Every structure is written in C-alpha cells, then in structure tokens.
C-alpha cells in the first residue's frame, strides 16, 4: 500500500478526552518505510551536491575509497 493510502486509512478514537490516531500495523510499517526512503533520498541529494561542488572529484569531496575502509565494516 502506498504511503498516501496508509495515511488516509487512519482512524481516530477518543479516550478520556484525548484523540488518538489508529493505524493497521501493516500501514504503520508502510509509513516507516516511506519515511526511511525520504531520509535516504535526502542523504543522497546532499552527497550529490557535495560531489558536484567538488567538480565530481570524490577525494576532493571527502569521500573515502572503498578499498581503504572495507575491512572496517566486516
């Protein structure tokens, strides 16, 4: 289900004068995935902007070489 549909599926309940939004667990997971995707896209846009500012030079942009850091991630 697309995120917009998940948002539209929300139902509201009032308990002790307080209003709550209720979502199906699957819809909630869809929204979380959508937010994570938006966050990833923002990170990628920022990285691309830095790379463009460095005229495409990854080293000048401060990017690390995969060969140099591969062992740190294993």
PDB file of N, CA and C in Angstrom:
ATOM      1  N   UNK A   1       0.839  -1.177   0.000  1.00  0.00           N
ATOM      2  CA  UNK A   1       0.000   0.000   0.000  1.00  0.00           C
ATOM      3  C   UNK A   1       0.886   1.242   0.000  1.00  0.00           C
ATOM      4  N   UNK A   2       0.640   2.154  -0.907  1.00  0.00           N
ATOM      5  CA  UNK A   2       1.410   3.401  -0.922  1.00  0.00           C
ATOM      6  C   UNK A   2       1.199   4.205   0.363  1.00  0.00           C
ATOM      7  N   UNK A   3       2.177   5.025   0.704  1.00  0.00           N
ATOM      8  CA  UNK A   3       2.139   5.780   1.957  1.00  0.00           C
ATOM      9  C   UNK A   3       0.922   6.683   2.048  1.00  0.00           C
ATOM     10  N   UNK A   4       0.532   7.301   0.946  1.00  0.00           N
ATOM     11  CA  UNK A   4      -0.623   8.194   0.980  1.00  0.00           C
ATOM     12  C   UNK A   4      -1.891   7.424   1.352  1.00  0.00           C
ATOM     13  N   UNK A   5      -2.040   6.228   0.821  1.00  0.00           N
ATOM     14  CA  UNK A   5      -3.191   5.396   1.185  1.00  0.00           C
ATOM     15  C   UNK A   5      -3.133   5.010   2.657  1.00  0.00           C
ATOM     16  N   UNK A   6      -1.937   4.729   3.138  1.00  0.00           N
ATOM     17  CA  UNK A   6      -1.789   4.380   4.554  1.00  0.00           C
ATOM     18  C   UNK A   6      -2.210   5.549   5.430  1.00  0.00           C
ATOM     19  N   UNK A   7      -1.839   6.749   5.038  1.00  0.00           N
ATOM     20  CA  UNK A   7      -2.242   7.937   5.800  1.00  0.00           C
ATOM     21  C   UNK A   7      -3.753   8.120   5.771  1.00  0.00           C
ATOM     22  N   UNK A   8      -4.347   7.843   4.638  1.00  0.00           N
ATOM     23  CA  UNK A   8      -5.783   8.019   4.507  1.00  0.00           C
ATOM     24  C   UNK A   8      -6.565   6.932   5.238  1.00  0.00           C
ATOM     25  N   UNK A   9      -5.914   5.833   5.591  1.00  0.00           N
ATOM     26  CA  UNK A   9      -6.608   4.737   6.270  1.00  0.00           C
ATOM     27  C   UNK A   9      -6.668   4.934   7.781  1.00  0.00           C
ATOM     28  N   UNK A  10      -6.064   5.986   8.279  1.00  0.00           N
ATOM     29  CA  UNK A  10      -6.041   6.219   9.719  1.00  0.00           C
ATOM     30  C   UNK A  10      -7.466   6.396  10.250  1.00  0.00           C
ATOM     31  N   UNK A  11      -7.679   5.849  11.431  1.00  0.00           N
ATOM     32  CA  UNK A  11      -8.956   6.024  12.125  1.00  0.00           C
ATOM     33  C   UNK A  11      -8.659   6.711  13.451  1.00  0.00           C
ATOM     34  N   UNK A  12      -9.621   7.426  13.959  1.00  0.00           N
ATOM     35  CA  UNK A  12      -9.421   8.186  15.196  1.00  0.00           C
ATOM     36  C   UNK A  12     -10.322   7.655  16.296  1.00  0.00           C
ATOM     37  N   UNK A  13      -9.766   7.623  17.493  1.00  0.00           N
ATOM     38  CA  UNK A  13     -10.542   7.260  18.674  1.00  0.00           C
ATOM     39  C   UNK A  13     -10.267   8.299  19.749  1.00  0.00           C
ATOM     40  N   UNK A  14     -11.235   8.483  20.601  1.00  0.00           N
ATOM     41  CA  UNK A  14     -11.072   9.407  21.720  1.00  0.00           C
ATOM     42  C   UNK A  14     -11.167   8.620  23.012  1.00  0.00           C
ATOM     43  N   UNK A  15     -10.139   8.771  23.838  1.00  0.00           N
ATOM     44  CA  UNK A  15     -10.088   8.086  25.122  1.00  0.00           C
ATOM     45  C   UNK A  15      -9.791   9.127  26.186  1.00  0.00           C
ATOM     46  N   UNK A  16     -10.691   9.239  27.146  1.00  0.00           N
ATOM     47  CA  UNK A  16     -10.533  10.202  28.250  1.00  0.00           C
ATOM     48  C   UNK A  16     -10.247  11.601  27.721  1.00  0.00           C
ATOM     49  N   UNK A  17     -10.965  11.980  26.677  1.00  0.00           N
ATOM     50  CA  UNK A  17     -10.847  13.324  26.128  1.00  0.00           C
ATOM     51  C   UNK A  17      -9.636  13.551  25.246  1.00  0.00           C
ATOM     52  N   UNK A  18      -8.859  12.516  25.027  1.00  0.00           N
ATOM     53  CA  UNK A  18      -7.663  12.630  24.195  1.00  0.00           C
ATOM     54  C   UNK A  18      -7.890  11.883  22.888  1.00  0.00           C
ATOM     55  N   UNK A  19      -7.558  12.523  21.776  1.00  0.00           N
ATOM     56  CA  UNK A  19      -7.780  11.921  20.457  1.00  0.00           C
ATOM     57  C   UNK A  19      -6.515  11.189  19.995  1.00  0.00           C
ATOM     58  N   UNK A  20      -6.689   9.962  19.525  1.00  0.00           N
ATOM     59  CA  UNK A  20      -5.570   9.141  19.046  1.00  0.00           C
ATOM     60  C   UNK A  20      -5.814   8.705  17.612  1.00  0.00           C
ATOM     61  N   UNK A  21      -4.729   8.574  16.863  1.00  0.00           N
ATOM     62  CA  UNK A  21      -4.800   8.036  15.509  1.00  0.00           C
ATOM     63  C   UNK A  21      -4.458   6.551  15.588  1.00  0.00           C
ATOM     64  N   UNK A  22      -5.250   5.743  14.917  1.00  0.00           N
ATOM     65  CA  UNK A  22      -5.055   4.294  14.933  1.00  0.00           C
ATOM     66  C   UNK A  22      -4.802   3.816  13.506  1.00  0.00           C
ATOM     67  N   UNK A  23      -3.708   3.071  13.336  1.00  0.00           N
ATOM     68  CA  UNK A  23      -3.348   2.513  12.036  1.00  0.00           C
ATOM     69  C   UNK A  23      -3.184   1.010  12.150  1.00  0.00           C
ATOM     70  N   UNK A  24      -3.470   0.327  11.090  1.00  0.00           N
ATOM     71  CA  UNK A  24      -3.146  -1.088  10.966  1.00  0.00           C
ATOM     72  C   UNK A  24      -1.625  -1.214  11.012  1.00  0.00           C
ATOM     73  N   UNK A  25      -1.111  -2.264  11.613  1.00  0.00           N
ATOM     74  CA  UNK A  25       0.343  -2.446  11.731  1.00  0.00           C
ATOM     75  C   UNK A  25       1.022  -2.438  10.360  1.00  0.00           C
ATOM     76  N   UNK A  26       0.390  -3.046   9.365  1.00  0.00           N
ATOM     77  CA  UNK A  26       0.973  -3.059   8.013  1.00  0.00           C
ATOM     78  C   UNK A  26       1.057  -1.641   7.438  1.00  0.00           C
ATOM     79  N   UNK A  27       0.027  -0.834   7.683  1.00  0.00           N
ATOM     80  CA  UNK A  27       0.041   0.553   7.217  1.00  0.00           C
ATOM     81  C   UNK A  27       1.135   1.348   7.936  1.00  0.00           C
ATOM     82  N   UNK A  28       1.303   1.080   9.232  1.00  0.00           N
ATOM     83  CA  UNK A  28       2.347   1.748  10.003  1.00  0.00           C
ATOM     84  C   UNK A  28       3.728   1.424   9.417  1.00  0.00           C
ATOM     85  N   UNK A  29       3.959   0.154   9.108  1.00  0.00           N
ATOM     86  CA  UNK A  29       5.237  -0.259   8.519  1.00  0.00           C
ATOM     87  C   UNK A  29       5.452   0.399   7.162  1.00  0.00           C
ATOM     88  N   UNK A  30       4.391   0.541   6.385  1.00  0.00           N
ATOM     89  CA  UNK A  30       4.483   1.233   5.098  1.00  0.00           C
ATOM     90  C   UNK A  30       4.929   2.673   5.295  1.00  0.00           C
ATOM     91  N   UNK A  31       4.351   3.338   6.287  1.00  0.00           N
ATOM     92  CA  UNK A  31       4.736   4.732   6.562  1.00  0.00           C
ATOM     93  C   UNK A  31       6.188   4.830   7.015  1.00  0.00           C
ATOM     94  N   UNK A  32       6.623   3.905   7.838  1.00  0.00           N
ATOM     95  CA  UNK A  32       8.024   3.911   8.298  1.00  0.00           C
ATOM     96  C   UNK A  32       8.965   3.720   7.109  1.00  0.00           C
ATOM     97  N   UNK A  33       8.653   2.771   6.234  1.00  0.00           N
ATOM     98  CA  UNK A  33       9.483   2.550   5.042  1.00  0.00           C
ATOM     99  C   UNK A  33       9.523   3.796   4.174  1.00  0.00           C
ATOM    100  N   UNK A  34       8.379   4.455   4.022  1.00  0.00           N
ATOM    101  CA  UNK A  34       8.294   5.677   3.212  1.00  0.00           C
ATOM    102  C   UNK A  34       9.179   6.776   3.815  1.00  0.00           C
ATOM    103  N   UNK A  35       9.109   6.948   5.131  1.00  0.00           N
ATOM    104  CA  UNK A  35       9.939   7.955   5.790  1.00  0.00           C
ATOM    105  C   UNK A  35      11.429   7.627   5.662  1.00  0.00           C
ATOM    106  N   UNK A  36      11.770   6.348   5.788  1.00  0.00           N
ATOM    107  CA  UNK A  36      13.169   5.945   5.622  1.00  0.00           C
ATOM    108  C   UNK A  36      13.653   6.224   4.202  1.00  0.00           C
ATOM    109  N   UNK A  37      12.793   5.987   3.224  1.00  0.00           N
ATOM    110  CA  UNK A  37      13.146   6.261   1.833  1.00  0.00           C
ATOM    111  C   UNK A  37      13.370   7.756   1.630  1.00  0.00           C
ATOM    112  N   UNK A  38      12.498   8.583   2.198  1.00  0.00           N
ATOM    113  CA  UNK A  38      12.674  10.038   2.094  1.00  0.00           C
ATOM    114  C   UNK A  38      13.992  10.477   2.725  1.00  0.00           C
ATOM    115  N   UNK A  39      14.316   9.888   3.855  1.00  0.00           N
ATOM    116  CA  UNK A  39      15.575  10.206   4.531  1.00  0.00           C
ATOM    117  C   UNK A  39      16.775   9.798   3.661  1.00  0.00           C
ATOM    118  N   UNK A  40      16.705   8.598   3.079  1.00  0.00           N
ATOM    119  CA  UNK A  40      17.782   8.128   2.194  1.00  0.00           C
ATOM    120  C   UNK A  40      17.940   9.038   0.984  1.00  0.00           C
ATOM    121  N   UNK A  41      16.822   9.471   0.401  1.00  0.00           N
ATOM    122  CA  UNK A  41      16.878  10.363  -0.754  1.00  0.00           C
ATOM    123  C   UNK A  41      17.530  11.694  -0.390  1.00  0.00           C
ATOM    124  N   UNK A  42      17.217  12.203   0.796  1.00  0.00           N
ATOM    125  CA  UNK A  42      17.813  13.458   1.243  1.00  0.00           C
ATOM    126  C   UNK A  42      19.319  13.313   1.409  1.00  0.00           C
ATOM    127  N   UNK A  43      19.755  12.202   1.985  1.00  0.00           N
ATOM    128  CA  UNK A  43      21.188  11.945   2.155  1.00  0.00           C
ATOM    129  C   UNK A  43      21.872  11.862   0.792  1.00  0.00           C
ATOM    130  N   UNK A  44      21.245  11.172  -0.149  1.00  0.00           N
ATOM    131  CA  UNK A  44      21.823  11.032  -1.488  1.00  0.00           C
ATOM    132  C   UNK A  44      21.902  12.387  -2.185  1.00  0.00           C
ATOM    133  N   UNK A  45      20.870  13.212  -2.048  1.00  0.00           N
ATOM    134  CA  UNK A  45      20.889  14.553  -2.662  1.00  0.00           C
ATOM    135  C   UNK A  45      22.008  15.407  -2.086  1.00  0.00           C
ATOM    136  N   UNK A  46      22.182  15.325  -0.770  1.00  0.00           N
ATOM    137  CA  UNK A  46      23.251  16.087  -0.124  1.00  0.00           C
ATOM    138  C   UNK A  46      24.622  15.622  -0.615  1.00  0.00           C
ATOM    139  N   UNK A  47      24.800  14.313  -0.712  1.00  0.00           N
ATOM    140  CA  UNK A  47      26.078  13.767  -1.181  1.00  0.00           C
ATOM    141  C   UNK A  47      26.344  14.190  -2.621  1.00  0.00           C
ATOM    142  N   UNK A  48      25.313  14.168  -3.446  1.00  0.00           N
ATOM    143  CA  UNK A  48      25.471  14.583  -4.842  1.00  0.00           C
ATOM    144  C   UNK A  48      25.822  16.066  -4.935  1.00  0.00           C
ATOM    145  N   UNK A  49      25.218  16.881  -4.082  1.00  0.00           N
ATOM    146  CA  UNK A  49      25.530  18.310  -4.083  1.00  0.00           C
ATOM    147  C   UNK A  49      26.990  18.550  -3.700  1.00  0.00           C
ATOM    148  N   UNK A  50      27.473  17.809  -2.713  1.00  0.00           N
ATOM    149  CA  UNK A  50      28.878  17.932  -2.298  1.00  0.00           C
ATOM    150  C   UNK A  50      29.791  17.486  -3.436  1.00  0.00           C
ATOM    151  N   UNK A  51      29.439  16.391  -4.096  1.00  0.00           N
ATOM    152  CA  UNK A  51      30.246  15.882  -5.201  1.00  0.00           C
ATOM    153  C   UNK A  51      30.269  16.875  -6.367  1.00  0.00           C
ATOM    154  N   UNK A  52      29.138  17.454  -6.675  1.00  0.00           N
ATOM    155  CA  UNK A  52      29.095  18.450  -7.754  1.00  0.00           C
ATOM    156  C   UNK A  52      29.931  19.673  -7.417  1.00  0.00           C
ATOM    157  N   UNK A  53      29.877  20.085  -6.149  1.00  0.00           N
ATOM    158  CA  UNK A  53      30.671  21.238  -5.712  1.00  0.00           C
ATOM    159  C   UNK A  53      32.167  20.946  -5.852  1.00  0.00           C
ATOM    160  N   UNK A  54      32.536  19.665  -5.733  1.00  0.00           N
ATOM    161  CA  UNK A  54      33.934  19.247  -5.869  1.00  0.00           C
ATOM    162  C   UNK A  54      34.249  18.872  -7.319  1.00  0.00           C
ATOM    163  N   UNK A  55      33.396  19.302  -8.233  1.00  0.00           N
ATOM    164  CA  UNK A  55      33.587  19.031  -9.670  1.00  0.00           C
ATOM    165  C   UNK A  55      33.731  17.539  -9.979  1.00  0.00           C
ATOM    166  N   UNK A  56      32.982  16.715  -9.237  1.00  0.00           N
ATOM    167  CA  UNK A  56      32.991  15.285  -9.497  1.00  0.00           C
ATOM    168  C   UNK A  56      34.177  14.535  -8.911  1.00  0.00           C
ATOM    169  N   UNK A  57      35.059  15.240  -8.224  1.00  0.00           N
ATOM    170  CA  UNK A  57      36.238  14.611  -7.632  1.00  0.00           C
ATOM    171  C   UNK A  57      35.866  14.044  -6.259  1.00  0.00           C
ATOM    172  N   UNK A  58      35.769  12.727  -6.177  1.00  0.00           N
ATOM    173  CA  UNK A  58      35.323  12.084  -4.942  1.00  0.00           C
ATOM    174  C   UNK A  58      36.271  12.350  -3.775  1.00  0.00           C
ATOM    175  N   UNK A  59      37.553  12.345  -4.065  1.00  0.00           N
ATOM    176  CA  UNK A  59      38.527  12.590  -2.998  1.00  0.00           C
ATOM    177  C   UNK A  59      38.390  14.022  -2.479  1.00  0.00           C
ATOM    178  N   UNK A  60      38.266  14.969  -3.384  1.00  0.00           N
ATOM    179  CA  UNK A  60      38.098  16.376  -3.013  1.00  0.00           C
ATOM    180  C   UNK A  60      36.798  16.573  -2.226  1.00  0.00           C
ATOM    181  N   UNK A  61      35.785  15.767  -2.535  1.00  0.00           N
ATOM    182  CA  UNK A  61      34.501  15.849  -1.837  1.00  0.00           C
ATOM    183  C   UNK A  61      34.571  15.213  -0.448  1.00  0.00           C
ATOM    184  N   UNK A  62      35.677  14.536  -0.152  1.00  0.00           N
ATOM    185  CA  UNK A  62      35.846  13.925   1.150  1.00  0.00           C
ATOM    186  C   UNK A  62      35.358  12.490   1.237  1.00  0.00           C
ATOM    187  N   UNK A  63      35.047  11.912   0.076  1.00  0.00           N
ATOM    188  CA  UNK A  63      34.593  10.526   0.064  1.00  0.00           C
ATOM    189  C   UNK A  63      35.776   9.602   0.300  1.00  0.00           C
ATOM    190  N   UNK A  64      35.539   8.522   0.999  1.00  0.00           N
ATOM    191  CA  UNK A  64      36.586   7.544   1.266  1.00  0.00           C
ATOM    192  C   UNK A  64      36.600   6.480   0.189  1.00  0.00           C
ATOM    193  N   UNK A  65      37.779   5.917  -0.058  1.00  0.00           N
ATOM    194  CA  UNK A  65      37.907   4.844  -1.045  1.00  0.00           C
ATOM    195  C   UNK A  65      37.458   3.537  -0.388  1.00  0.00           C
ATOM    196  N   UNK A  66      36.637   2.790  -1.112  1.00  0.00           N
ATOM    197  CA  UNK A  66      36.097   1.535  -0.609  1.00  0.00           C
ATOM    198  C   UNK A  66      37.210   0.594  -0.177  1.00  0.00           C
ATOM    199  N   UNK A  67      38.250   0.508  -0.970  1.00  0.00           N
ATOM    200  CA  UNK A  67      39.359  -0.397  -0.674  1.00  0.00           C
ATOM    201  C   UNK A  67      39.999  -0.074   0.673  1.00  0.00           C
ATOM    202  N   UNK A  68      39.955   1.188   1.078  1.00  0.00           N
ATOM    203  CA  UNK A  68      40.593   1.609   2.330  1.00  0.00           C
ATOM    204  C   UNK A  68      39.734   1.341   3.565  1.00  0.00           C
ATOM    205  N   UNK A  69      38.441   1.255   3.409  1.00  0.00           N
ATOM    206  CA  UNK A  69      37.566   1.103   4.573  1.00  0.00           C
ATOM    207  C   UNK A  69      36.803  -0.220   4.626  1.00  0.00           C
ATOM    208  N   UNK A  70      36.933  -1.024   3.601  1.00  0.00           N
ATOM    209  CA  UNK A  70      36.178  -2.274   3.531  1.00  0.00           C
ATOM    210  C   UNK A  70      36.337  -3.092   4.808  1.00  0.00           C
ATOM    211  N   UNK A  71      37.534  -3.223   5.293  1.00  0.00           N
ATOM    212  CA  UNK A  71      37.806  -4.034   6.486  1.00  0.00           C
ATOM    213  C   UNK A  71      37.122  -3.515   7.742  1.00  0.00           C
ATOM    214  N   UNK A  72      36.830  -2.238   7.799  1.00  0.00           N
ATOM    215  CA  UNK A  72      36.189  -1.653   8.980  1.00  0.00           C
ATOM    216  C   UNK A  72      34.734  -2.094   9.097  1.00  0.00           C
ATOM    217  N   UNK A  73      34.144  -2.521   8.008  1.00  0.00           N
ATOM    218  CA  UNK A  73      32.732  -2.859   8.023  1.00  0.00           C
ATOM    219  C   UNK A  73      32.486  -4.351   8.192  1.00  0.00           C
ATOM    220  N   UNK A  74      33.521  -5.133   8.162  1.00  0.00           N
ATOM    221  CA  UNK A  74      33.355  -6.592   8.264  1.00  0.00           C
ATOM    222  C   UNK A  74      33.391  -7.059   9.701  1.00  0.00           C
TER     223      UNK A  74
END
